[in-house]
Amino acid sequence: MKSVSILGCGWLGKELGIELIKKGYTVKGSTTSVAKLNELKAVHIYPFLVNISEDTEITEFLDTDVLLIAITSKNIDDFKRLISKIEKSNVTNVIFISSTSVYPSLNKEMAEKDETVDSPLVEIENLFRNNENFQTTILRFAGLFGGNRQPGNWFVDRKIPHPKGYVNMIHREDCIAIIQQIIAQNVFGEVFNACANHHPTREDFYINARKSLGKPTPEFDDSKSLEYKIISSEKLQKALNYQFIHSDLLSI
């Protein structure tokens, strides 16, 4: 039986842990909130209090087959300290949750081989990719929705820019299914984009998202020059033989 430690049991990590347990995995999960420890325990995730900005002992948390990192921190020094602890552990495989925000908006399709912006997130990705003590798969998720993250609730008090641009989105159920396949198929040492193949315009997407919640049509701002990117997930789909669960973003 494989064990998985999830650093960051929030909107994605907790639900992922629940699904992994159903598949027979042993799951350890971290939170920075004492109040949430019992929430994790209640769903049979072994709870740990971990904050990478603090130099605390996490040896037991890192006693695992696969470490999944799903936290929002972009502090490079904190990640360097975390990596030094991973190096001393028995972790051999890491999944680092990143974002398609690493790609510039060049009004074209972007794949893993394409250039990225100069950002802390890219630097943190490279710390993991270049480390020879363990293998890391970088998973670049597009815009996340599902559960209580409803796009119809976004941009409530401002106009939505670039209405003629295209959306790059992925549902939480697909995020979880993709991570499960990476672990089950032992696909490490890769960089993958993870984004639904459907790219409606921002205008169509947000009008539909508001309508699905019974909310009024949003206002748009098309005063600025059009900037967009279309994220390709072709590499991931081929490598994992994966088909998206939520492939129609206008049926949410």
Protein backbone atom coordinates (compact mmCIF):
# COMPACT_ATOMS: atom_id res chain seq x y z
CA MET A 1 0.00 0.00 0.00
CA LYS A 2 1.41 3.37 -0.99
CA SER A 3 1.48 6.31 1.36
CA VAL A 4 0.97 9.91 0.26
CA SER A 5 1.67 13.04 2.26
CA ILE A 6 -0.23 16.13 1.14
CA LEU A 7 1.38 19.43 2.11
CA GLY A 8 -1.61 21.74 2.15
CA CYS A 9 -5.00 20.13 2.75
CA GLY A 10 -7.16 22.97 1.54
CA TRP A 11 -9.71 23.20 -1.27
CA LEU A 12 -7.81 20.66 -3.39
CA GLY A 13 -5.63 18.73 -0.95
CA LYS A 14 -8.34 17.62 1.46
CA GLU A 15 -10.64 16.31 -1.28
CA LEU A 16 -7.69 14.58 -2.94
CA GLY A 17 -6.84 12.90 0.37
CA ILE A 18 -10.40 11.63 0.76
CA GLU A 19 -10.31 10.08 -2.74
CA LEU A 20 -6.86 8.51 -2.22
CA ILE A 21 -8.05 6.88 1.00
CA LYS A 22 -10.96 5.35 -0.92
CA LYS A 23 -8.36 3.81 -3.26
CA GLY A 24 -6.50 2.24 -0.33
CA TYR A 25 -3.70 4.76 0.18
CA THR A 26 -2.49 5.86 3.59
CA VAL A 27 -2.72 9.66 3.63
CA LYS A 28 -1.00 12.20 5.83
CA GLY A 29 -2.16 15.78 5.46
CA SER A 30 -0.92 19.12 6.66
CA THR A 31 -2.59 22.35 7.67
CA THR A 32 -1.32 25.57 9.22
CA SER A 33 -4.46 25.81 11.37
CA VAL A 34 -4.80 23.99 14.70
CA ALA A 35 -8.60 24.23 14.28
CA LYS A 36 -8.45 22.15 11.09
CA LEU A 37 -6.55 19.20 12.56
CA ASN A 38 -9.76 17.54 13.72
CA GLU A 39 -11.38 18.14 10.31
CA LEU A 40 -8.62 16.08 8.69
CA LYS A 41 -8.84 13.39 11.36
CA ALA A 42 -12.60 13.13 10.79
CA VAL A 43 -12.01 12.07 7.14
CA HIS A 44 -9.21 9.62 8.14
CA ILE A 45 -6.33 11.82 6.99
CA TYR A 46 -3.49 11.67 9.55
CA PRO A 47 -3.20 15.36 10.52
CA PHE A 48 0.01 17.36 10.86
CA LEU A 49 0.62 21.01 11.67
CA VAL A 50 3.15 22.22 9.09
CA ASN A 51 4.10 25.76 8.13
CA ILE A 52 7.10 25.91 5.79
CA SER A 53 7.91 29.44 6.99
CA GLU A 54 8.79 27.89 10.35
CA ASP A 55 11.78 25.63 10.86
CA THR A 56 9.92 22.83 12.61
CA GLU A 57 10.50 19.08 12.68
CA ILE A 58 8.48 17.29 9.96
CA THR A 59 10.33 13.97 9.75
CA GLU A 60 7.22 11.89 10.42
CA PHE A 61 5.18 13.82 7.84
CA LEU A 62 7.91 13.18 5.24
CA ASP A 63 7.98 9.44 5.97
CA THR A 64 6.01 8.66 2.81
CA ASP A 65 6.23 7.28 -0.73
CA VAL A 66 4.86 10.36 -2.49
CA LEU A 67 4.88 13.97 -1.33
CA LEU A 68 2.31 16.26 -2.93
CA ILE A 69 2.85 20.00 -2.45
CA ALA A 70 -0.32 22.06 -2.77
CA ILE A 71 0.38 25.32 -0.95
CA THR A 72 0.21 28.89 -2.23
CA SER A 73 3.48 30.17 -0.77
CA LYS A 74 5.95 31.72 -3.24
CA ASN A 75 8.74 32.24 -0.70
CA ILE A 76 11.90 30.86 -2.28
CA ASP A 77 13.89 30.63 0.97
CA ASP A 78 11.09 28.69 2.66
CA PHE A 79 11.07 26.19 -0.21
CA LYS A 80 14.86 25.83 -0.09
CA ARG A 81 14.54 24.89 3.60
CA LEU A 82 11.72 22.47 2.80
CA ILE A 83 13.78 20.83 0.04
CA SER A 84 16.72 20.33 2.42
CA LYS A 85 14.33 18.42 4.70
CA ILE A 86 12.98 16.34 1.80
CA GLU A 87 16.57 15.44 0.87
CA LYS A 88 17.09 13.96 4.35
CA SER A 89 13.82 11.97 4.17
CA ASN A 90 12.93 8.78 2.31
CA VAL A 91 10.75 10.68 -0.20
CA THR A 92 11.66 9.66 -3.73
CA ASN A 93 8.70 11.11 -5.65
CA VAL A 94 7.22 14.60 -5.44
CA ILE A 95 4.28 16.26 -7.18
CA PHE A 96 4.50 20.03 -7.10
CA ILE A 97 1.28 21.88 -7.89
CA SER A 98 2.12 24.90 -10.00
CA SER A 99 0.09 27.16 -12.28
CA THR A 100 -0.27 28.06 -15.95
CA SER A 101 0.31 31.65 -14.81
CA VAL A 102 3.98 30.86 -15.52
CA TYR A 103 3.23 31.41 -19.23
CA PRO A 104 3.08 34.90 -20.74
CA SER A 105 -0.02 35.95 -22.70
CA LEU A 106 1.31 35.89 -26.26
CA ASN A 107 -2.04 35.37 -28.03
CA LYS A 108 -1.20 31.80 -28.99
CA GLU A 109 -1.26 28.23 -27.72
CA MET A 110 1.27 27.49 -24.98
CA ALA A 111 2.82 24.08 -24.32
CA GLU A 112 5.35 22.86 -21.75
CA LYS A 113 8.29 23.58 -24.06
CA ASP A 114 7.37 27.25 -24.39
CA GLU A 115 8.95 30.14 -22.56
CA THR A 116 7.87 31.10 -19.06
CA VAL A 117 7.85 34.41 -17.25
CA ASP A 118 10.56 35.37 -14.77
CA SER A 119 8.78 34.74 -11.47
CA PRO A 120 9.29 33.21 -8.00
CA LEU A 121 6.99 30.32 -8.98
CA VAL A 122 9.22 29.38 -11.93
CA GLU A 123 12.28 29.60 -9.69
CA ILE A 124 10.61 27.30 -7.14
CA GLU A 125 9.64 24.87 -9.93
CA ASN A 126 13.30 24.75 -10.98
CA LEU A 127 14.50 24.05 -7.43
CA PHE A 128 12.40 20.87 -7.54
CA ARG A 129 13.10 19.95 -11.17
CA ASN A 130 16.87 20.24 -10.79
CA ASN A 131 17.16 18.31 -7.53
CA GLU A 132 18.72 14.88 -8.05
CA ASN A 133 17.75 13.46 -4.64
CA PHE A 134 14.14 12.86 -5.72
CA GLN A 135 12.01 12.99 -8.85
CA THR A 136 9.44 15.74 -9.20
CA THR A 137 6.51 16.05 -11.56
CA ILE A 138 5.46 19.67 -11.97
CA LEU A 139 1.72 19.96 -12.53
CA ARG A 140 0.69 23.34 -13.93
CA PHE A 141 -3.03 23.75 -13.30
CA ALA A 142 -5.14 26.27 -15.19
CA GLY A 143 -7.87 28.28 -13.44
CA LEU A 144 -9.42 26.14 -10.72
CA PHE A 145 -13.15 25.71 -10.19
CA GLY A 146 -15.55 23.26 -8.56
CA GLY A 147 -17.01 22.85 -5.10
CA ASN A 148 -17.44 26.29 -3.58
CA ARG A 149 -15.28 27.90 -6.27
CA GLN A 150 -17.93 29.06 -8.72
CA PRO A 151 -16.78 31.33 -11.58
CA GLY A 152 -20.20 32.99 -11.56
CA ASN A 153 -19.21 34.57 -8.23
CA TRP A 154 -16.00 36.08 -9.59
CA PHE A 155 -15.54 39.69 -10.75
CA VAL A 156 -18.52 40.70 -8.60
CA ASP A 157 -17.59 44.35 -8.21
CA ARG A 158 -15.65 45.04 -11.40
CA LYS A 159 -15.87 44.64 -15.14
CA ILE A 160 -14.30 41.55 -16.68
CA PRO A 161 -11.31 42.44 -18.91
CA HIS A 162 -10.44 40.93 -22.29
CA PRO A 163 -13.90 39.51 -23.08
CA LYS A 164 -12.71 38.28 -26.50
CA GLY A 165 -9.84 36.34 -24.96
CA TYR A 166 -10.12 32.66 -24.08
CA VAL A 167 -10.41 30.88 -20.75
CA ASN A 168 -8.14 28.17 -19.42
CA MET A 169 -9.91 26.25 -16.68
CA ILE A 170 -9.87 22.90 -14.94
CA HIS A 171 -12.42 21.35 -12.56
CA ARG A 172 -11.32 19.98 -9.18
CA GLU A 173 -12.53 16.48 -10.13
CA ASP A 174 -10.09 16.49 -13.06
CA CYS A 175 -7.27 17.80 -10.83
CA ILE A 176 -7.84 14.90 -8.43
CA ALA A 177 -8.16 12.28 -11.18
CA ILE A 178 -4.95 13.48 -12.88
CA ILE A 179 -2.96 13.36 -9.63
CA GLN A 180 -4.26 9.85 -8.96
CA GLN A 181 -3.09 8.74 -12.40
CA ILE A 182 0.38 10.25 -11.96
CA ILE A 183 0.75 8.29 -8.72
CA ALA A 184 -0.81 5.05 -10.02
CA GLN A 185 1.22 5.08 -13.25
CA ASN A 186 4.40 6.27 -11.46
CA VAL A 187 4.96 9.15 -13.88
CA PHE A 188 7.61 11.32 -12.26
CA GLY A 189 10.27 13.68 -13.56
CA GLU A 190 7.81 15.42 -15.92
CA VAL A 191 6.24 18.82 -16.45
CA PHE A 192 2.55 18.80 -17.39
CA ASN A 193 -0.03 21.43 -18.19
CA ALA A 194 -3.46 20.47 -16.87
CA CYS A 195 -6.30 22.37 -18.52
CA ALA A 196 -9.59 21.39 -20.13
CA ASN A 197 -9.41 21.27 -23.94
CA HIS A 198 -12.39 23.60 -24.24
CA HIS A 199 -11.50 27.30 -24.50
CA PRO A 200 -14.64 29.42 -24.87
CA THR A 201 -14.25 33.19 -24.89
CA ARG A 202 -14.20 34.90 -21.52
CA GLU A 203 -17.42 36.62 -22.53
CA ASP A 204 -19.26 33.36 -23.26
CA PHE A 205 -17.81 31.62 -20.23
CA TYR A 206 -18.69 34.26 -17.65
CA ILE A 207 -22.14 34.99 -19.10
CA ASN A 208 -22.89 31.27 -18.81
CA ALA A 209 -21.35 31.02 -15.33
CA ARG A 210 -23.52 33.87 -14.03
CA LYS A 211 -26.61 32.45 -15.72
CA SER A 212 -26.06 29.04 -14.11
CA LEU A 213 -26.20 30.72 -10.68
CA GLY A 214 -29.25 32.83 -11.59
CA LYS A 215 -27.19 36.00 -11.45
CA PRO A 216 -27.34 39.02 -13.80
CA THR A 217 -25.13 39.19 -16.89
CA PRO A 218 -21.65 40.52 -16.05
CA GLU A 219 -20.18 43.71 -17.49
CA PHE A 220 -17.08 43.56 -19.64
CA ASP A 221 -14.17 45.88 -20.30
CA ASP A 222 -12.73 45.59 -23.81
CA SER A 223 -10.82 48.88 -23.69
CA LYS A 224 -7.40 47.23 -23.49
CA SER A 225 -5.50 45.46 -26.27
CA LEU A 226 -6.48 41.81 -26.44
CA GLU A 227 -4.16 39.52 -24.48
CA TYR A 228 -4.68 35.81 -24.02
CA LYS A 229 -3.06 32.39 -24.04
CA ILE A 230 -4.49 28.99 -24.83
CA ILE A 231 -3.04 26.25 -22.66
CA SER A 232 -2.41 22.90 -24.33
CA SER A 233 -2.71 19.71 -22.25
CA GLU A 234 -1.83 17.41 -25.14
CA LYS A 235 1.36 16.14 -23.46
CA LEU A 236 -0.48 15.13 -20.26
CA GLN A 237 -3.31 13.44 -22.13
CA LYS A 238 -0.90 11.34 -24.17
CA ALA A 239 1.40 10.44 -21.27
CA LEU A 240 -1.42 9.39 -18.93
CA ASN A 241 -3.97 8.34 -21.57
CA TYR A 242 -6.25 10.80 -19.83
CA GLN A 243 -9.67 12.06 -20.85
CA PHE A 244 -11.13 15.09 -19.09
CA ILE A 245 -14.24 14.55 -16.98
CA HIS A 246 -15.35 18.17 -17.40
CA SER A 247 -14.55 18.84 -21.03
CA ASP A 248 -17.37 21.32 -21.76
CA LEU A 249 -16.83 24.54 -19.82
CA LEU A 250 -20.21 25.89 -20.89
CA SER A 251 -22.07 23.10 -19.13
CA ILE A 252 -20.88 23.97 -15.62
